[in-house]
PDB file of N, CA and C in Angstrom:
ATOM      1  N   UNK A   1     -16.826 105.945  58.340  1.00  0.00           N
ATOM      2  CA  UNK A   1     -17.283 104.845  57.990  1.00  0.00           C
ATOM      3  C   UNK A   1     -17.326 104.253  56.712  1.00  0.00           C
ATOM      4  N   UNK A   2     -18.054 105.482  55.667  1.00  0.00           N
ATOM      5  CA  UNK A   2     -18.053 105.008  54.494  1.00  0.00           C
ATOM      6  C   UNK A   2     -17.023 104.080  53.368  1.00  0.00           C
ATOM      7  N   UNK A   3     -15.843 104.966  54.001  1.00  0.00           N
ATOM      8  CA  UNK A   3     -14.685 104.056  53.070  1.00  0.00           C
ATOM      9  C   UNK A   3     -14.349 102.881  53.504  1.00  0.00           C
ATOM     10  N   UNK A   4     -14.463 102.647  54.924  1.00  0.00           N
ATOM     11  CA  UNK A   4     -14.206 101.021  55.224  1.00  0.00           C
ATOM     12  C   UNK A   4     -15.224 100.302  55.070  1.00  0.00           C
ATOM     13  N   UNK A   5     -16.298 100.459  54.411  1.00  0.00           N
ATOM     14  CA  UNK A   5     -17.605  99.458  54.082  1.00  0.00           C
ATOM     15  C   UNK A   5     -17.069  99.482  52.793  1.00  0.00           C
ATOM     16  N   UNK A   6     -16.628 100.477  51.799  1.00  0.00           N
ATOM     17  CA  UNK A   6     -16.443 100.606  50.396  1.00  0.00           C
ATOM     18  C   UNK A   6     -15.219  99.693  50.111  1.00  0.00           C
ATOM     19  N   UNK A   7     -13.971  99.708  51.083  1.00  0.00           N
ATOM     20  CA  UNK A   7     -13.142  98.998  51.037  1.00  0.00           C
ATOM     21  C   UNK A   7     -13.170  97.187  51.004  1.00  0.00           C
ATOM     22  N   UNK A   8     -14.198  97.181  52.063  1.00  0.00           N
ATOM     23  CA  UNK A   8     -14.847  95.807  52.608  1.00  0.00           C
ATOM     24  C   UNK A   8     -15.671  94.878  51.445  1.00  0.00           C
ATOM     25  N   UNK A   9     -16.238  95.448  50.699  1.00  0.00           N
ATOM     26  CA  UNK A   9     -16.971  95.266  49.437  1.00  0.00           C
ATOM     27  C   UNK A   9     -16.224  95.437  48.654  1.00  0.00           C
ATOM     28  N   UNK A  10     -15.036  95.859  48.393  1.00  0.00           N
ATOM     29  CA  UNK A  10     -14.363  95.687  46.991  1.00  0.00           C
ATOM     30  C   UNK A  10     -13.230  94.444  47.444  1.00  0.00           C
ATOM     31  N   UNK A  11     -13.183  94.238  48.677  1.00  0.00           N
ATOM     32  CA  UNK A  11     -11.885  93.162  49.132  1.00  0.00           C
ATOM     33  C   UNK A  11     -12.950  92.048  49.138  1.00  0.00           C
ATOM     34  N   UNK A  12     -13.847  91.751  49.665  1.00  0.00           N
ATOM     35  CA  UNK A  12     -14.792  90.353  49.242  1.00  0.00           C
ATOM     36  C   UNK A  12     -15.537  90.444  48.285  1.00  0.00           C
ATOM     37  N   UNK A  13     -15.901  91.111  47.657  1.00  0.00           N
ATOM     38  CA  UNK A  13     -16.747  91.099  46.561  1.00  0.00           C
ATOM     39  C   UNK A  13     -18.143  91.046  46.748  1.00  0.00           C
ATOM     40  N   UNK A  14     -18.579  91.914  47.963  1.00  0.00           N
ATOM     41  CA  UNK A  14     -20.083  92.036  48.677  1.00  0.00           C
ATOM     42  C   UNK A  14     -20.297  90.656  49.244  1.00  0.00           C
ATOM     43  N   UNK A  15     -18.867  89.718  49.700  1.00  0.00           N
ATOM     44  CA  UNK A  15     -19.653  88.426  50.721  1.00  0.00           C
ATOM     45  C   UNK A  15     -19.324  88.904  52.080  1.00  0.00           C
ATOM     46  N   UNK A  16     -20.328  88.236  52.529  1.00  0.00           N
ATOM     47  CA  UNK A  16     -19.643  88.324  54.429  1.00  0.00           C
ATOM     48  C   UNK A  16     -19.034  87.345  54.756  1.00  0.00           C
ATOM     49  N   UNK A  17     -17.983  87.927  55.341  1.00  0.00           N
ATOM     50  CA  UNK A  17     -16.431  87.406  55.815  1.00  0.00           C
ATOM     51  C   UNK A  17     -16.689  86.387  56.891  1.00  0.00           C
ATOM     52  N   UNK A  18     -17.484  86.811  57.933  1.00  0.00           N
ATOM     53  CA  UNK A  18     -17.763  85.827  59.013  1.00  0.00           C
ATOM     54  C   UNK A  18     -17.855  84.326  58.717  1.00  0.00           C
ATOM     55  N   UNK A  19     -18.715  83.989  57.849  1.00  0.00           N
ATOM     56  CA  UNK A  19     -18.333  82.227  57.468  1.00  0.00           C
ATOM     57  C   UNK A  19     -16.478  81.747  57.084  1.00  0.00           C
ATOM     58  N   UNK A  20     -15.949  82.763  56.762  1.00  0.00           N
ATOM     59  CA  UNK A  20     -14.662  82.350  56.270  1.00  0.00           C
ATOM     60  C   UNK A  20     -13.769  82.951  57.632  1.00  0.00           C
ATOM     61  N   UNK A  21     -13.813  84.030  58.118  1.00  0.00           N
ATOM     62  CA  UNK A  21     -13.071  83.973  59.430  1.00  0.00           C
ATOM     63  C   UNK A  21     -13.027  83.170  60.563  1.00  0.00           C
ATOM     64  N   UNK A  22     -14.092  82.746  61.004  1.00  0.00           N
ATOM     65  CA  UNK A  22     -14.420  81.903  61.922  1.00  0.00           C
ATOM     66  C   UNK A  22     -13.579  80.521  61.933  1.00  0.00           C
ATOM     67  N   UNK A  23     -13.466  79.754  60.368  1.00  0.00           N
ATOM     68  CA  UNK A  23     -12.561  78.674  60.965  1.00  0.00           C
ATOM     69  C   UNK A  23     -11.226  79.199  60.389  1.00  0.00           C
ATOM     70  N   UNK A  24     -10.886  80.220  60.248  1.00  0.00           N
ATOM     71  CA  UNK A  24      -9.366  80.523  59.770  1.00  0.00           C
ATOM     72  C   UNK A  24      -9.013  80.668  60.995  1.00  0.00           C
ATOM     73  N   UNK A  25      -9.741  81.875  62.069  1.00  0.00           N
ATOM     74  CA  UNK A  25      -9.221  82.142  63.210  1.00  0.00           C
ATOM     75  C   UNK A  25      -9.390  80.419  64.374  1.00  0.00           C
ATOM     76  N   UNK A  26     -10.342  79.794  64.152  1.00  0.00           N
ATOM     77  CA  UNK A  26     -10.121  78.383  65.102  1.00  0.00           C
ATOM     78  C   UNK A  26      -8.927  77.606  64.350  1.00  0.00           C
ATOM     79  N   UNK A  27      -8.751  77.818  63.171  1.00  0.00           N
ATOM     80  CA  UNK A  27      -7.704  76.668  62.743  1.00  0.00           C
ATOM     81  C   UNK A  27      -5.976  77.319  63.329  1.00  0.00           C
ATOM     82  N   UNK A  28      -5.949  78.872  63.298  1.00  0.00           N
ATOM     83  CA  UNK A  28      -5.016  79.264  63.443  1.00  0.00           C
ATOM     84  C   UNK A  28      -4.772  79.106  64.754  1.00  0.00           C
ATOM     85  N   UNK A  29      -5.536  79.100  66.032  1.00  0.00           N
ATOM     86  CA  UNK A  29      -5.355  78.851  67.394  1.00  0.00           C
ATOM     87  C   UNK A  29      -5.055  77.314  67.576  1.00  0.00           C
ATOM     88  N   UNK A  30      -5.559  76.424  66.913  1.00  0.00           N
ATOM     89  CA  UNK A  30      -5.604  74.842  67.055  1.00  0.00           C
ATOM     90  C   UNK A  30      -4.033  74.812  66.257  1.00  0.00           C
ATOM     91  N   UNK A  31      -3.468  75.582  65.334  1.00  0.00           N
ATOM     92  CA  UNK A  31      -2.066  75.140  64.623  1.00  0.00           C
ATOM     93  C   UNK A  31      -0.913  75.682  65.902  1.00  0.00           C
ATOM     94  N   UNK A  32      -1.617  76.908  66.219  1.00  0.00           N
ATOM     95  CA  UNK A  32      -0.597  77.409  67.277  1.00  0.00           C
ATOM     96  C   UNK A  32      -0.313  76.634  68.944  1.00  0.00           C
ATOM     97  N   UNK A  33      -1.318  76.008  69.013  1.00  0.00           N
ATOM     98  CA  UNK A  33      -1.510  74.800  69.892  1.00  0.00           C
ATOM     99  C   UNK A  33      -0.867  73.826  69.824  1.00  0.00           C
ATOM    100  N   UNK A  34      -0.906  73.248  68.685  1.00  0.00           N
ATOM    101  CA  UNK A  34       0.205  72.491  67.803  1.00  0.00           C
ATOM    102  C   UNK A  34       1.591  72.725  68.235  1.00  0.00           C
ATOM    103  N   UNK A  35       1.913  73.935  67.747  1.00  0.00           N
ATOM    104  CA  UNK A  35       3.238  74.287  67.497  1.00  0.00           C
ATOM    105  C   UNK A  35       3.611  74.524  69.241  1.00  0.00           C
ATOM    106  N   UNK A  36       2.868  74.906  70.156  1.00  0.00           N
ATOM    107  CA  UNK A  36       3.711  74.863  71.604  1.00  0.00           C
ATOM    108  C   UNK A  36       3.600  73.535  71.712  1.00  0.00           C
ATOM    109  N   UNK A  37       2.915  72.842  71.742  1.00  0.00           N
ATOM    110  CA  UNK A  37       3.270  71.742  71.993  1.00  0.00           C
ATOM    111  C   UNK A  37       4.090  70.433  71.698  1.00  0.00           C
ATOM    112  N   UNK A  38       4.550  70.890  70.373  1.00  0.00           N
ATOM    113  CA  UNK A  38       5.622  70.417  69.490  1.00  0.00           C
ATOM    114  C   UNK A  38       6.850  70.973  70.123  1.00  0.00           C
ATOM    115  N   UNK A  39       6.649  72.300  70.726  1.00  0.00           N
ATOM    116  CA  UNK A  39       8.300  72.662  70.962  1.00  0.00           C
ATOM    117  C   UNK A  39       8.374  72.311  72.422  1.00  0.00           C
ATOM    118  N   UNK A  40       7.207  72.210  73.246  1.00  0.00           N
ATOM    119  CA  UNK A  40       7.468  71.531  74.617  1.00  0.00           C
ATOM    120  C   UNK A  40       7.806  70.131  74.466  1.00  0.00           C
ATOM    121  N   UNK A  41       7.580  69.470  73.768  1.00  0.00           N
ATOM    122  CA  UNK A  41       7.540  68.079  73.473  1.00  0.00           C
ATOM    123  C   UNK A  41       8.286  67.731  71.977  1.00  0.00           C
ATOM    124  N   UNK A  42       9.608  67.603  71.688  1.00  0.00           N
ATOM    125  CA  UNK A  42      10.166  67.396  70.394  1.00  0.00           C
ATOM    126  C   UNK A  42      10.048  66.203  70.027  1.00  0.00           C
ATOM    127  N   UNK A  43       9.780  65.227  70.814  1.00  0.00           N
ATOM    128  CA  UNK A  43       9.625  63.909  70.566  1.00  0.00           C
ATOM    129  C   UNK A  43       8.304  63.613  69.496  1.00  0.00           C
ATOM    130  N   UNK A  44       7.477  64.407  69.477  1.00  0.00           N
ATOM    131  CA  UNK A  44       6.388  64.338  68.962  1.00  0.00           C
ATOM    132  C   UNK A  44       6.426  64.841  67.662  1.00  0.00           C
ATOM    133  N   UNK A  45       7.281  65.121  67.073  1.00  0.00           N
ATOM    134  CA  UNK A  45       7.205  65.975  65.676  1.00  0.00           C
ATOM    135  C   UNK A  45       6.885  65.437  64.902  1.00  0.00           C
ATOM    136  N   UNK A  46       7.192  63.834  64.660  1.00  0.00           N
ATOM    137  CA  UNK A  46       6.758  63.145  63.630  1.00  0.00           C
ATOM    138  C   UNK A  46       5.280  62.743  63.991  1.00  0.00           C
ATOM    139  N   UNK A  47       4.608  62.569  65.168  1.00  0.00           N
ATOM    140  CA  UNK A  47       3.204  62.800  65.095  1.00  0.00           C
ATOM    141  C   UNK A  47       2.208  63.896  64.972  1.00  0.00           C
ATOM    142  N   UNK A  48       3.125  65.309  64.764  1.00  0.00           N
ATOM    143  CA  UNK A  48       1.806  66.274  64.871  1.00  0.00           C
ATOM    144  C   UNK A  48       1.944  66.972  63.120  1.00  0.00           C
ATOM    145  N   UNK A  49       2.816  66.163  62.480  1.00  0.00           N
ATOM    146  CA  UNK A  49       3.018  66.350  61.254  1.00  0.00           C
ATOM    147  C   UNK A  49       1.834  66.338  60.412  1.00  0.00           C
ATOM    148  N   UNK A  50       0.964  65.303  60.647  1.00  0.00           N
ATOM    149  CA  UNK A  50      -0.503  65.032  59.688  1.00  0.00           C
ATOM    150  C   UNK A  50      -1.784  65.666  60.427  1.00  0.00           C
ATOM    151  N   UNK A  51      -1.275  66.332  62.086  1.00  0.00           N
ATOM    152  CA  UNK A  51      -2.346  67.310  62.480  1.00  0.00           C
ATOM    153  C   UNK A  51      -2.283  68.300  61.800  1.00  0.00           C
ATOM    154  N   UNK A  52      -1.212  69.143  61.727  1.00  0.00           N
ATOM    155  CA  UNK A  52      -0.723  70.254  60.621  1.00  0.00           C
ATOM    156  C   UNK A  52      -1.265  70.150  59.266  1.00  0.00           C
ATOM    157  N   UNK A  53      -1.081  68.748  58.694  1.00  0.00           N
ATOM    158  CA  UNK A  53      -1.867  69.053  57.174  1.00  0.00           C
ATOM    159  C   UNK A  53      -3.226  68.876  57.370  1.00  0.00           C
ATOM    160  N   UNK A  54      -4.067  68.043  58.768  1.00  0.00           N
ATOM    161  CA  UNK A  54      -5.533  67.869  58.558  1.00  0.00           C
ATOM    162  C   UNK A  54      -6.032  69.517  58.911  1.00  0.00           C
ATOM    163  N   UNK A  55      -4.943  70.407  59.532  1.00  0.00           N
ATOM    164  CA  UNK A  55      -5.800  71.464  59.994  1.00  0.00           C
ATOM    165  C   UNK A  55      -5.593  72.515  58.569  1.00  0.00           C
ATOM    166  N   UNK A  56      -4.505  71.954  57.631  1.00  0.00           N
ATOM    167  CA  UNK A  56      -4.836  73.074  56.204  1.00  0.00           C
ATOM    168  C   UNK A  56      -6.027  72.606  55.527  1.00  0.00           C
ATOM    169  N   UNK A  57      -6.049  70.901  55.159  1.00  0.00           N
ATOM    170  CA  UNK A  57      -7.239  70.508  54.382  1.00  0.00           C
ATOM    171  C   UNK A  57      -8.451  71.355  55.153  1.00  0.00           C
ATOM    172  N   UNK A  58      -8.728  71.400  56.474  1.00  0.00           N
ATOM    173  CA  UNK A  58      -9.788  71.962  57.008  1.00  0.00           C
ATOM    174  C   UNK A  58     -10.283  73.516  56.487  1.00  0.00           C
ATOM    175  N   UNK A  59      -8.928  73.875  56.543  1.00  0.00           N
ATOM    176  CA  UNK A  59      -8.757  75.525  55.996  1.00  0.00           C
ATOM    177  C   UNK A  59      -9.370  75.768  54.480  1.00  0.00           C
ATOM    178  N   UNK A  60      -8.544  74.781  53.450  1.00  0.00           N
ATOM    179  CA  UNK A  60      -8.970  74.441  52.138  1.00  0.00           C
ATOM    180  C   UNK A  60     -10.568  74.408  52.010  1.00  0.00           C
ATOM    181  N   UNK A  61     -10.942  73.488  52.520  1.00  0.00           N
ATOM    182  CA  UNK A  61     -12.514  73.102  52.748  1.00  0.00           C
ATOM    183  C   UNK A  61     -13.323  74.536  52.911  1.00  0.00           C
ATOM    184  N   UNK A  62     -13.033  74.696  53.889  1.00  0.00           N
ATOM    185  CA  UNK A  62     -13.777  76.062  54.196  1.00  0.00           C
ATOM    186  C   UNK A  62     -13.712  77.106  53.641  1.00  0.00           C
ATOM    187  N   UNK A  63     -12.700  77.482  53.293  1.00  0.00           N
ATOM    188  CA  UNK A  63     -12.472  78.802  52.065  1.00  0.00           C
ATOM    189  C   UNK A  63     -13.135  77.977  50.813  1.00  0.00           C
ATOM    190  N   UNK A  64     -13.240  77.020  50.365  1.00  0.00           N
ATOM    191  CA  UNK A  64     -13.675  76.659  49.355  1.00  0.00           C
ATOM    192  C   UNK A  64     -15.217  76.578  49.001  1.00  0.00           C
ATOM    193  N   UNK A  65     -15.776  76.510  50.184  1.00  0.00           N
ATOM    194  CA  UNK A  65     -17.446  76.499  50.657  1.00  0.00           C
ATOM    195  C   UNK A  65     -17.666  77.739  50.667  1.00  0.00           C
ATOM    196  N   UNK A  66     -16.829  78.762  51.278  1.00  0.00           N
ATOM    197  CA  UNK A  66     -17.021  80.205  50.902  1.00  0.00           C
ATOM    198  C   UNK A  66     -17.114  80.488  49.697  1.00  0.00           C
ATOM    199  N   UNK A  67     -16.152  80.213  48.913  1.00  0.00           N
ATOM    200  CA  UNK A  67     -16.076  80.773  47.580  1.00  0.00           C
ATOM    201  C   UNK A  67     -17.229  80.671  46.686  1.00  0.00           C
ATOM    202  N   UNK A  68     -17.618  79.252  46.875  1.00  0.00           N
ATOM    203  CA  UNK A  68     -18.627  78.658  46.239  1.00  0.00           C
ATOM    204  C   UNK A  68     -19.970  78.925  46.624  1.00  0.00           C
ATOM    205  N   UNK A  69     -19.956  79.373  47.536  1.00  0.00           N
ATOM    206  CA  UNK A  69     -21.496  80.103  48.431  1.00  0.00           C
ATOM    207  C   UNK A  69     -22.704  80.683  46.966  1.00  0.00           C
ATOM    208  N   UNK A  70     -21.746  81.929  46.682  1.00  0.00           N
ATOM    209  CA  UNK A  70     -22.829  82.916  45.631  1.00  0.00           C
ATOM    210  C   UNK A  70     -22.949  81.935  44.153  1.00  0.00           C
ATOM    211  N   UNK A  71     -21.889  81.008  43.912  1.00  0.00           N
ATOM    212  CA  UNK A  71     -22.124  80.850  42.805  1.00  0.00           C
ATOM    213  C   UNK A  71     -23.477  79.533  42.883  1.00  0.00           C
ATOM    214  N   UNK A  72     -23.138  78.946  43.896  1.00  0.00           N
ATOM    215  CA  UNK A  72     -24.535  77.808  43.948  1.00  0.00           C
ATOM    216  C   UNK A  72     -25.991  78.569  43.519  1.00  0.00           C
ATOM    217  N   UNK A  73     -25.847  79.959  44.733  1.00  0.00           N
ATOM    218  CA  UNK A  73     -27.426  80.570  44.347  1.00  0.00           C
ATOM    219  C   UNK A  73     -27.289  81.145  43.197  1.00  0.00           C
ATOM    220  N   UNK A  74     -26.876  81.446  42.292  1.00  0.00           N
ATOM    221  CA  UNK A  74     -27.026  81.542  41.120  1.00  0.00           C
ATOM    222  C   UNK A  74     -27.051  80.502  40.170  1.00  0.00           C
ATOM    223  N   UNK A  75     -26.742  79.338  40.340  1.00  0.00           N
ATOM    224  CA  UNK A  75     -27.171  78.053  39.654  1.00  0.00           C
ATOM    225  C   UNK A  75     -28.490  77.918  40.169  1.00  0.00           C
ATOM    226  N   UNK A  76     -28.379  78.061  41.244  1.00  0.00           N
ATOM    227  CA  UNK A  76     -30.290  77.358  41.590  1.00  0.00           C
ATOM    228  C   UNK A  76     -31.210  78.085  41.197  1.00  0.00           C
ATOM    229  N   UNK A  77     -30.766  79.256  41.292  1.00  0.00           N
ATOM    230  CA  UNK A  77     -32.110  80.488  40.507  1.00  0.00           C
ATOM    231  C   UNK A  77     -32.011  79.854  38.881  1.00  0.00           C
ATOM    232  N   UNK A  78     -31.296  79.620  38.192  1.00  0.00           N
ATOM    233  CA  UNK A  78     -31.467  79.581  37.076  1.00  0.00           C
ATOM    234  C   UNK A  78     -32.133  78.143  36.782  1.00  0.00           C
ATOM    235  N   UNK A  79     -31.978  77.216  37.804  1.00  0.00           N
ATOM    236  CA  UNK A  79     -32.625  75.889  37.542  1.00  0.00           C
ATOM    237  C   UNK A  79     -34.095  76.161  37.523  1.00  0.00           C
ATOM    238  N   UNK A  80     -34.693  77.092  38.641  1.00  0.00           N
ATOM    239  CA  UNK A  80     -36.138  77.220  39.205  1.00  0.00           C
ATOM    240  C   UNK A  80     -36.246  78.125  37.900  1.00  0.00           C
ATOM    241  N   UNK A  81     -35.727  78.907  37.095  1.00  0.00           N
ATOM    242  CA  UNK A  81     -36.399  79.553  36.405  1.00  0.00           C
ATOM    243  C   UNK A  81     -36.519  78.953  35.011  1.00  0.00           C
ATOM    244  N   UNK A  82     -35.663  77.754  35.036  1.00  0.00           N
ATOM    245  CA  UNK A  82     -36.009  77.182  33.795  1.00  0.00           C
ATOM    246  C   UNK A  82     -37.376  76.058  34.042  1.00  0.00           C
ATOM    247  N   UNK A  83     -37.136  75.574  34.973  1.00  0.00           N
ATOM    248  CA  UNK A  83     -38.844  74.856  35.385  1.00  0.00           C
ATOM    249  C   UNK A  83     -39.662  75.272  35.338  1.00  0.00           C
ATOM    250  N   UNK A  84     -40.007  76.747  35.403  1.00  0.00           N
ATOM    251  CA  UNK A  84     -41.209  77.519  35.517  1.00  0.00           C
ATOM    252  C   UNK A  84     -41.490  77.696  33.809  1.00  0.00           C
ATOM    253  N   UNK A  85     -40.523  77.827  33.097  1.00  0.00           N
ATOM    254  CA  UNK A  85     -40.822  77.924  31.435  1.00  0.00           C
ATOM    255  C   UNK A  85     -41.247  76.581  30.997  1.00  0.00           C
ATOM    256  N   UNK A  86     -41.175  75.513  31.483  1.00  0.00           N
ATOM    257  CA  UNK A  86     -41.710  74.266  30.926  1.00  0.00           C
ATOM    258  C   UNK A  86     -40.591  73.713  30.353  1.00  0.00           C
ATOM    259  N   UNK A  87     -39.702  72.711  30.678  1.00  0.00           N
ATOM    260  CA  UNK A  87     -38.924  72.089  29.730  1.00  0.00           C
ATOM    261  C   UNK A  87     -39.278  70.836  29.375  1.00  0.00           C
ATOM    262  N   UNK A  88     -38.312  69.969  29.206  1.00  0.00           N
ATOM    263  CA  UNK A  88     -38.688  68.576  28.500  1.00  0.00           C
ATOM    264  C   UNK A  88     -39.671  67.674  29.640  1.00  0.00           C
ATOM    265  N   UNK A  89     -40.555  67.165  28.849  1.00  0.00           N
ATOM    266  CA  UNK A  89     -41.585  66.496  29.389  1.00  0.00           C
ATOM    267  C   UNK A  89     -42.760  67.440  29.967  1.00  0.00           C
ATOM    268  N   UNK A  90     -43.042  68.603  30.137  1.00  0.00           N
ATOM    269  CA  UNK A  90     -43.837  69.641  29.937  1.00  0.00           C
ATOM    270  C   UNK A  90     -45.061  69.057  29.162  1.00  0.00           C
ATOM    271  N   UNK A  91     -46.199  68.870  30.022  1.00  0.00           N
ATOM    272  CA  UNK A  91     -47.678  68.255  29.315  1.00  0.00           C
ATOM    273  C   UNK A  91     -48.274  69.425  29.548  1.00  0.00           C
ATOM    274  N   UNK A  92     -48.182  70.736  28.642  1.00  0.00           N
ATOM    275  CA  UNK A  92     -48.976  71.617  28.347  1.00  0.00           C
ATOM    276  C   UNK A  92     -49.862  71.551  27.149  1.00  0.00           C
TER     277      UNK A  92
END
């Protein structure tokens, strides 16, 4: 089991893949449903094109938020540390 944990740690750089996998699985299911609908009713081909675009936008946003999650924690920590030192306007 430790080899699997090591692979997971290297693959995701220590991040939890849960928040990433949820939207990807949901969007894959939705895209599959759209595709089946389009195959059964070809007249709606032009109507479903924007739906595919919306699914891709949701995936890009969800993936971007997952990638930025750790960076936000680091930046927030730096700001708090800077506030403790006493920045501009400190009346000590």
